[in-house]
Amino acid sequence: MNDSKSLHSRIAKTVRDIPRSGIRDFFEIVSSREGVISLGIGEPDFVTPWHIREAAVLALDRGVTSYTSNMGLLSLRRGISKYIEKKTGVVYNPKDEVLVTVGVSEGLDIAIRALIDPGDEVLYHEPGYVSYNPIIQFSYGKPVVIQTKKENGFRLTRAELEEKVTPKTKVLLLNYPNNPTGAALSKEGVEEIAAFAIEHDLIVLTDEIYDELTYDREHFSIISVPGMRERTIYLHGFSKAWAMTGFRMGFTCAPPELTEAMMKIHQYTMLCAPVLSQEASIEALKNADADIAYMKGEYKKRRNFIYSSFEEMGIPCIRPDGAFYAFANISRFGMTAKEFALKLLDAENVACVPGTAFGKCGEGFIRCSYATSLAEIKEAMIRIARFIKTL
């Protein structure tokens, strides 16, 4: 090994062939500039509520610094079980059907690895979160992409699923409310997809990290559909609605056989989630309803403002049902999404993410996060309006 080329050749081909995250690459450019208003990163601008942080501080003061059970603290798992039952009506046994993970990202990773043999197909929809495709490939599965349509508000339909399913399809991966589009499914839409999964005998992974952040109707989970609890791995976490991104806390809920399979991988690779974060999460589940309601109310105000601002500019934007993203259609300006984002950044110091970071059908769109202050959003909208007048 005399040069870097020989080292590069020794990296696993699967890793070599997967590109870096389009979001992170773009924001490396942003980080080199000063005075940027960022509508990019999907991280709440709210500080974790003090009583949640205090729970971690008090646990540290008590000397709570050890490993926990691989599954996570039983008291936390009980709290998660009660939370899910309250939201969905579905009961999970905290002893063998709830697993505490290091963020939803780890939960998704171990769920895919627990299910996929080389060559198995996983259906998932785009525009979608940037991790889905690579995680499937890291498990030597075959990602099968469904390009959802702007005409449907980027909501997945059974007809689109039927076009892509094959005898090799093993898993369906869902994310609603959706990152990056803000789309959510109706109860009827969820029931149609559930019927598809049952008919084709698929396991469903449902990433519902944004389920608390819906604005015009309550979220309806696929695990609430009869027959789906038995074939679904439910993925959730504390990063978004509780503003606890740095705590890196997620969880899975699934039948015992699937939970045991995921726990094996978790046991050998992660061991357990951080105990101080688990202590904070217990407090979050007990006493943060008012905090979530407040933050959700602020997000709704921002959603309404950013949506109406784009409409006033003549930039079509599907009204977000949930999460904290607006997916704005800039295709009429005759440039790619990346070109638009870079020119906007250069001209007005406003950072948005090109829609192509989330899949091919994101071309012609930019993702603007409204997880930042209303004052910053208002200034960003003034700058974007000024920018498009020059085009």
Foldseek 3Di string as FASTA:
>chain_A
DPDVVVVLVPPDPLVVPDDDQLLVVQVVVLVVDPPFLELADQFFPDDQDPVLVVLLVVCVVVVVFDFDALQADLLLLVLVQVVCCVQQVDGFDSVQFKGKDQALVLVVLLLLLLFDDAAAEEEEEPLADLVPCSSNVVSNYHYDYQYADVVVLSQDAVVSVVVGDDLRHAEYEEEPVGPPALDHDDPVRLVRVLVVCVVSVHAYEYEDQWQLFFDPDHHHDNCNDPPRQARYKYKYFCCALSSPVVQRIIMIGHPRVSSVSSSVVSCVPVNHRGNSSSSSSSVCSPPCPVVSVVVSVQLVVLLVVLQVLCVVLVWHWRRRRGRFKIKTFQPVVPDWQVVVQVVLCVQQSYHWRQLCSSPDSSIRITIGGPSDHSVSSVSSSVSVSVVVVVD
